[in-house]
Amino acid sequence: MDEQPSVGSAGEAGMPLDRRAELSEFLRTRRARLKPQDVGMPDFGRHRRVPGLRREELAQLAGVSVAYYTRLEQGNGRNVSAEVLDAIARALRLTDAEHNHLTHLAKPKQHKKKQTARPQQVRGALRQLLDTMDGVPAYITGRRSDLLGWNRMAAAVFGDWSELPAQERNWARMVFLRPEYRDLYVEWEQKAIDIVCHLRMDAGCHPDDPRLSALVGELSVKSEDFRRLWATHDVKEKSHGVKLLRHPLVGDLALQYESFRLVDDAELALVTYHAEPGSPSAEALRLLASWGTDATRAGASAPQ
């Protein structure tokens, strides 16, 4: 069976997210990445006309009819059961984040538009907590990768975000549209991938968010890199790891980061960074702590 990819992915022209198209493209791209030998099926080599598994092979693995799976991959997730989605997720070898994304696309919750449009806010106590985390770069992000709050050390490491208009305090806009962030992140491509994966998760949870649609549309027009990565349909949750930075004042930094979802609002995440004790990066952070936001201003004028 020869198959053509569907068109009309969300945000390509700034239009509201088309959930049916998103479901179709997500399933198609997950299926395309699996080879028959990955799932214990015979590979007929040159006789295969599509990348990855065929629809009938995936349906067989999931224990559903080809017609049923075909309807689902065409974007018709109406009345699909959780058990069928679980079986398809297992057959596609989805991660937990991908499984959650599939569920959101196929069985969307009914969100009131007023709830989606309501501005997210950071409680005063959380802002106080950020300020008390002396020596630890930390910030709070919300839906759409919006930057909602940060401390002095975060500004010293990543830039003085208070100088940006409020609508530009957004990680996706900064990473894809501001050249200084390409210089800051040693592994810029991986940072860009992470941002797009997080936006995809948001898009699955909030398909009617007009600000998210506008953001995706803007980035699709202005950034070829964003268009390329958005087309992969990859998703992931915020987690932990190591970021390698090249700061204009103190040079290379290796910082470990942790992401903490807030119990009373899971769409807000506290992200912290720290260096290995006794390492050159720890010493560099201490130096930046002594300068504070002045480090950013000095770094901006430092010779490259």
Protein backbone atom coordinates (compact mmCIF):
# COMPACT_ATOMS: atom_id res chain seq x y z
CA MET A 1 0.00 0.00 0.00
CA ASP A 2 1.56 3.30 -1.08
CA GLU A 3 0.83 6.16 1.32
CA GLN A 4 1.18 9.91 1.00
CA PRO A 5 1.84 12.10 4.04
CA SER A 6 -1.04 14.29 5.07
CA VAL A 7 -0.75 18.06 4.93
CA GLY A 8 -1.93 20.98 7.02
CA SER A 9 0.15 20.54 10.18
CA ALA A 10 -0.65 22.91 13.00
CA GLY A 11 0.82 26.35 12.94
CA GLU A 12 2.49 26.21 9.55
CA ALA A 13 0.71 29.39 8.51
CA GLY A 14 -0.32 30.61 11.94
CA MET A 15 -3.69 28.92 11.72
CA PRO A 16 -5.36 27.28 14.75
CA LEU A 17 -4.15 23.77 15.41
CA ASP A 18 -5.94 21.16 13.32
CA ARG A 19 -6.20 18.30 15.80
CA ARG A 20 -7.12 15.75 13.13
CA ALA A 21 -4.08 16.68 11.04
CA GLU A 22 -1.89 16.58 14.14
CA LEU A 23 -3.11 13.11 15.08
CA SER A 24 -2.59 11.88 11.52
CA GLU A 25 0.92 13.28 11.19
CA PHE A 26 1.98 12.13 14.63
CA LEU A 27 0.94 8.52 14.00
CA ARG A 28 2.44 8.53 10.52
CA THR A 29 5.82 9.85 11.69
CA ARG A 30 5.95 7.41 14.63
CA ARG A 31 5.17 4.51 12.28
CA ALA A 32 7.75 5.66 9.72
CA ARG A 33 10.60 5.48 12.23
CA LEU A 34 10.06 1.76 12.96
CA LYS A 35 11.63 -0.90 10.74
CA PRO A 36 10.11 -4.39 10.45
CA GLN A 37 13.15 -5.96 12.08
CA ASP A 38 12.65 -3.64 15.08
CA VAL A 39 9.42 -5.46 15.89
CA GLY A 40 10.34 -8.97 14.78
CA MET A 41 8.70 -8.86 11.36
CA PRO A 42 10.27 -9.98 8.06
CA ASP A 43 11.73 -7.23 5.89
CA PHE A 44 11.14 -7.59 2.16
CA GLY A 45 13.73 -4.96 1.33
CA ARG A 46 13.39 -3.44 -2.11
CA HIS A 47 9.73 -4.41 -2.37
CA ARG A 48 8.77 -1.91 0.37
CA ARG A 49 7.44 1.36 -1.01
CA VAL A 50 6.97 3.25 2.27
CA PRO A 51 9.42 4.10 5.06
CA GLY A 52 8.98 2.14 8.26
CA LEU A 53 6.06 -0.15 8.98
CA ARG A 54 3.02 -0.43 6.76
CA ARG A 55 -0.37 0.36 8.22
CA GLU A 56 -1.43 -3.27 8.08
CA GLU A 57 1.73 -4.32 9.96
CA LEU A 58 1.11 -1.77 12.68
CA ALA A 59 -2.53 -2.82 12.92
CA GLN A 60 -1.46 -6.44 13.30
CA LEU A 61 0.95 -5.55 16.11
CA ALA A 62 -1.71 -3.53 17.91
CA GLY A 63 -4.40 -6.17 17.48
CA VAL A 64 -6.86 -3.94 15.59
CA SER A 65 -8.27 -4.10 12.08
CA VAL A 66 -6.46 -2.31 9.26
CA ALA A 67 -9.60 -0.29 8.53
CA TYR A 68 -9.85 0.83 12.16
CA TYR A 69 -6.21 1.88 12.35
CA THR A 70 -6.43 3.61 8.96
CA ARG A 71 -9.35 5.72 10.18
CA LEU A 72 -7.38 6.66 13.28
CA GLU A 73 -4.30 7.61 11.28
CA GLN A 74 -6.49 9.72 9.03
CA GLY A 75 -7.32 11.77 12.10
CA ASN A 76 -10.58 10.19 13.17
CA GLY A 77 -10.03 9.50 16.85
CA ARG A 78 -13.71 9.71 17.75
CA ASN A 79 -14.82 6.97 20.15
CA VAL A 80 -11.39 5.36 20.32
CA SER A 81 -10.90 3.60 23.63
CA ALA A 82 -8.02 3.99 26.06
CA GLU A 83 -7.26 0.29 25.63
CA VAL A 84 -6.83 0.66 21.87
CA LEU A 85 -4.61 3.71 22.33
CA ASP A 86 -2.51 1.76 24.82
CA ALA A 87 -2.13 -1.10 22.32
CA ILE A 88 -1.12 1.27 19.52
CA ALA A 89 1.32 3.05 21.83
CA ARG A 90 2.95 -0.28 22.68
CA ALA A 91 3.12 -1.28 19.04
CA LEU A 92 4.73 2.05 18.12
CA ARG A 93 7.07 1.84 21.14
CA LEU A 94 6.07 5.29 22.29
CA THR A 95 7.71 6.98 25.25
CA ASP A 96 5.53 8.07 28.15
CA ALA A 97 5.52 11.63 26.78
CA GLU A 98 4.53 10.39 23.31
CA HIS A 99 1.80 8.18 24.78
CA ASN A 100 0.37 11.16 26.66
CA HIS A 101 0.54 13.27 23.51
CA LEU A 102 -1.31 10.61 21.51
CA THR A 103 -4.02 10.48 24.16
CA HIS A 104 -4.45 14.26 24.12
CA LEU A 105 -4.75 14.28 20.33
CA ALA A 106 -7.12 11.34 20.05
CA LYS A 107 -9.27 12.05 23.11
CA PRO A 108 -9.00 15.79 23.75
CA LYS A 109 -10.31 17.21 26.99
CA GLN A 110 -12.83 20.00 26.68
CA HIS A 111 -11.04 23.20 27.65
CA LYS A 112 -12.90 26.43 27.98
CA LYS A 113 -11.35 29.11 25.82
CA LYS A 114 -11.37 31.53 28.73
CA GLN A 115 -9.17 29.14 30.70
CA THR A 116 -6.72 28.83 27.81
CA ALA A 117 -6.54 32.58 27.27
CA ARG A 118 -6.20 33.48 30.95
CA PRO A 119 -2.69 34.85 31.65
CA GLN A 120 -0.55 32.60 33.79
CA GLN A 121 0.79 34.17 36.95
CA VAL A 122 3.52 33.37 39.45
CA ARG A 123 2.56 33.56 43.12
CA GLY A 124 4.37 36.14 45.21
CA ALA A 125 5.83 33.44 47.45
CA LEU A 126 7.40 31.75 44.41
CA ARG A 127 9.00 35.01 43.34
CA GLN A 128 10.39 35.37 46.84
CA LEU A 129 11.74 31.82 46.62
CA LEU A 130 13.54 32.68 43.38
CA ASP A 131 15.14 35.71 45.02
CA THR A 132 16.38 33.64 47.98
CA MET A 133 18.11 31.10 45.72
CA ASP A 134 21.36 33.03 45.84
CA GLY A 135 24.02 31.56 43.58
CA VAL A 136 21.56 29.26 41.79
CA PRO A 137 20.28 30.39 38.36
CA ALA A 138 16.54 29.69 38.40
CA TYR A 139 13.45 30.69 36.46
CA ILE A 140 9.80 29.73 36.02
CA THR A 141 8.29 28.87 32.66
CA GLY A 142 4.67 28.45 31.68
CA ARG A 143 2.63 27.42 28.70
CA ARG A 144 4.09 28.13 25.24
CA SER A 145 7.60 28.29 26.81
CA ASP A 146 6.77 31.73 28.26
CA LEU A 147 9.30 33.00 30.78
CA LEU A 148 7.29 34.16 33.80
CA GLY A 149 9.85 34.80 36.52
CA TRP A 150 13.58 34.57 37.21
CA ASN A 151 16.24 35.51 39.73
CA ARG A 152 19.36 37.63 39.56
CA MET A 153 21.63 34.67 38.80
CA ALA A 154 19.50 33.54 35.87
CA ALA A 155 19.82 37.03 34.40
CA ALA A 156 23.59 36.94 34.91
CA VAL A 157 23.88 33.62 33.06
CA PHE A 158 21.22 33.86 30.35
CA GLY A 159 20.67 37.59 29.86
CA ASP A 160 18.78 40.42 31.52
CA TRP A 161 15.26 39.50 30.42
CA SER A 162 13.80 42.58 32.13
CA GLU A 163 15.13 44.60 29.18
CA LEU A 164 12.92 42.63 26.76
CA PRO A 165 9.27 43.49 26.05
CA ALA A 166 6.99 41.11 27.93
CA GLN A 167 5.79 39.37 24.74
CA GLU A 168 9.39 38.53 23.80
CA ARG A 169 10.16 36.80 27.10
CA ASN A 170 9.61 33.43 25.54
CA TRP A 171 12.20 30.68 25.18
CA ALA A 172 11.14 29.71 21.67
CA ARG A 173 11.39 33.28 20.39
CA MET A 174 14.74 33.79 22.10
CA VAL A 175 16.32 30.56 20.92
CA PHE A 176 15.16 30.77 17.30
CA LEU A 177 15.11 34.50 16.68
CA ARG A 178 17.88 36.03 18.80
CA PRO A 179 21.45 35.36 17.54
CA GLU A 180 23.04 35.72 20.99
CA TYR A 181 21.41 32.47 22.08
CA ARG A 182 23.03 30.57 19.24
CA ASP A 183 26.32 31.82 20.64
CA LEU A 184 25.38 31.06 24.25
CA TYR A 185 24.38 27.40 23.76
CA VAL A 186 27.29 25.18 22.72
CA GLU A 187 24.77 22.53 21.66
CA TRP A 188 22.24 24.96 20.20
CA GLU A 189 20.57 22.31 18.04
CA GLN A 190 19.69 20.19 21.07
CA LYS A 191 18.29 23.21 22.92
CA ALA A 192 16.18 24.03 19.86
CA ILE A 193 14.91 20.43 19.67
CA ASP A 194 13.92 20.52 23.34
CA ILE A 195 11.98 23.75 22.88
CA VAL A 196 10.06 22.42 19.88
CA CYS A 197 9.28 19.14 21.66
CA HIS A 198 7.85 21.05 24.62
CA LEU A 199 5.75 23.24 22.32
CA ARG A 200 4.35 20.11 20.66
CA MET A 201 3.24 18.82 24.05
CA ASP A 202 1.51 22.15 24.71
CA ALA A 203 -0.16 22.02 21.30
CA GLY A 204 -1.61 18.59 22.07
CA CYS A 205 -3.00 19.78 25.40
CA HIS A 206 -4.28 23.16 24.19
CA PRO A 207 -5.25 22.94 20.51
CA ASP A 208 -7.43 26.05 20.79
CA ASP A 209 -4.81 28.35 22.33
CA PRO A 210 -4.64 31.33 19.91
CA ARG A 211 -1.38 32.64 21.37
CA LEU A 212 0.29 29.27 20.81
CA SER A 213 -0.99 29.15 17.23
CA ALA A 214 0.30 32.68 16.65
CA LEU A 215 3.70 31.79 18.11
CA VAL A 216 4.07 28.68 15.96
CA GLY A 217 2.96 30.64 12.92
CA GLU A 218 5.46 33.44 13.58
CA LEU A 219 8.36 31.06 14.13
CA SER A 220 7.41 29.02 11.06
CA VAL A 221 7.64 32.15 8.93
CA LYS A 222 10.82 33.55 10.47
CA SER A 223 12.93 30.45 11.16
CA GLU A 224 13.80 27.66 8.75
CA ASP A 225 15.25 25.70 11.66
CA PHE A 226 11.95 25.88 13.49
CA ARG A 227 10.01 24.69 10.44
CA ARG A 228 12.38 21.74 10.06
CA LEU A 229 12.11 20.66 13.70
CA TRP A 230 8.35 21.28 13.96
CA ALA A 231 7.80 18.89 11.04
CA THR A 232 9.31 15.98 13.02
CA HIS A 233 6.32 15.90 15.44
CA ASP A 234 8.66 14.86 18.27
CA VAL A 235 7.54 15.47 21.85
CA LYS A 236 9.14 15.30 25.29
CA GLU A 237 8.51 16.49 28.83
CA LYS A 238 10.75 18.93 30.66
CA SER A 239 13.24 16.88 32.64
CA HIS A 240 16.87 17.13 33.74
CA GLY A 241 20.31 17.04 32.18
CA VAL A 242 23.40 19.11 31.46
CA LYS A 243 23.64 22.29 29.41
CA LEU A 244 26.92 23.49 27.97
CA LEU A 245 27.11 27.26 27.70
CA ARG A 246 29.71 29.70 26.36
CA HIS A 247 29.27 32.84 28.43
CA PRO A 248 30.74 36.06 26.99
CA LEU A 249 32.47 36.89 30.29
CA VAL A 250 33.42 33.67 32.06
CA GLY A 251 33.71 31.31 29.11
CA ASP A 252 32.54 27.71 29.09
CA LEU A 253 30.03 26.53 31.67
CA ALA A 254 28.74 23.00 32.29
CA LEU A 255 25.54 23.34 34.30
CA GLN A 256 23.21 20.60 35.48
CA TYR A 257 19.55 21.52 35.31
CA GLU A 258 16.44 20.17 37.02
CA SER A 259 12.78 20.86 36.18
CA PHE A 260 10.08 20.80 38.85
CA ARG A 261 6.38 20.90 37.95
CA LEU A 262 4.27 22.83 40.47
CA VAL A 263 1.64 20.79 42.27
CA ASP A 264 -1.07 23.46 42.08
CA ASP A 265 -0.38 24.29 38.41
CA ALA A 266 1.37 21.57 36.40
CA GLU A 267 1.79 23.96 33.46
CA LEU A 268 4.31 25.96 35.48
CA ALA A 269 7.81 24.60 35.94
CA LEU A 270 10.65 25.77 38.16
CA VAL A 271 13.98 25.20 36.41
CA THR A 272 17.24 25.38 38.35
CA TYR A 273 20.90 25.16 37.32
CA HIS A 274 23.95 24.26 39.34
CA ALA A 275 27.57 23.35 38.73
CA GLU A 276 29.56 20.40 40.05
CA PRO A 277 31.08 21.49 43.38
CA GLY A 278 34.72 22.48 43.04
CA SER A 279 34.57 22.61 39.25
CA PRO A 280 35.66 25.54 37.06
CA SER A 281 31.98 26.09 36.28
CA ALA A 282 31.21 26.47 40.00
CA GLU A 283 33.93 29.07 40.30
CA ALA A 284 32.59 30.88 37.24
CA LEU A 285 29.10 30.95 38.80
CA ARG A 286 30.53 32.47 41.97
CA LEU A 287 32.19 35.14 39.85
CA LEU A 288 28.94 35.87 38.03
CA ALA A 289 27.09 36.02 41.35
CA SER A 290 29.38 38.82 42.46
CA TRP A 291 28.51 40.79 39.31
CA GLY A 292 24.81 40.01 39.06
CA THR A 293 22.97 41.58 36.13
CA ASP A 294 26.00 43.78 35.52
CA ALA A 295 27.62 40.64 34.10
CA THR A 296 25.09 40.64 31.28
CA ARG A 297 25.67 44.26 30.40
CA ALA A 298 29.44 43.83 30.54
CA GLY A 299 29.22 40.66 28.49
CA ALA A 300 27.19 42.40 25.79
CA SER A 301 29.99 44.90 25.25
CA ALA A 302 32.85 42.43 25.62
CA PRO A 303 34.94 41.69 22.49
CA GLN A 304 34.00 38.42 20.80
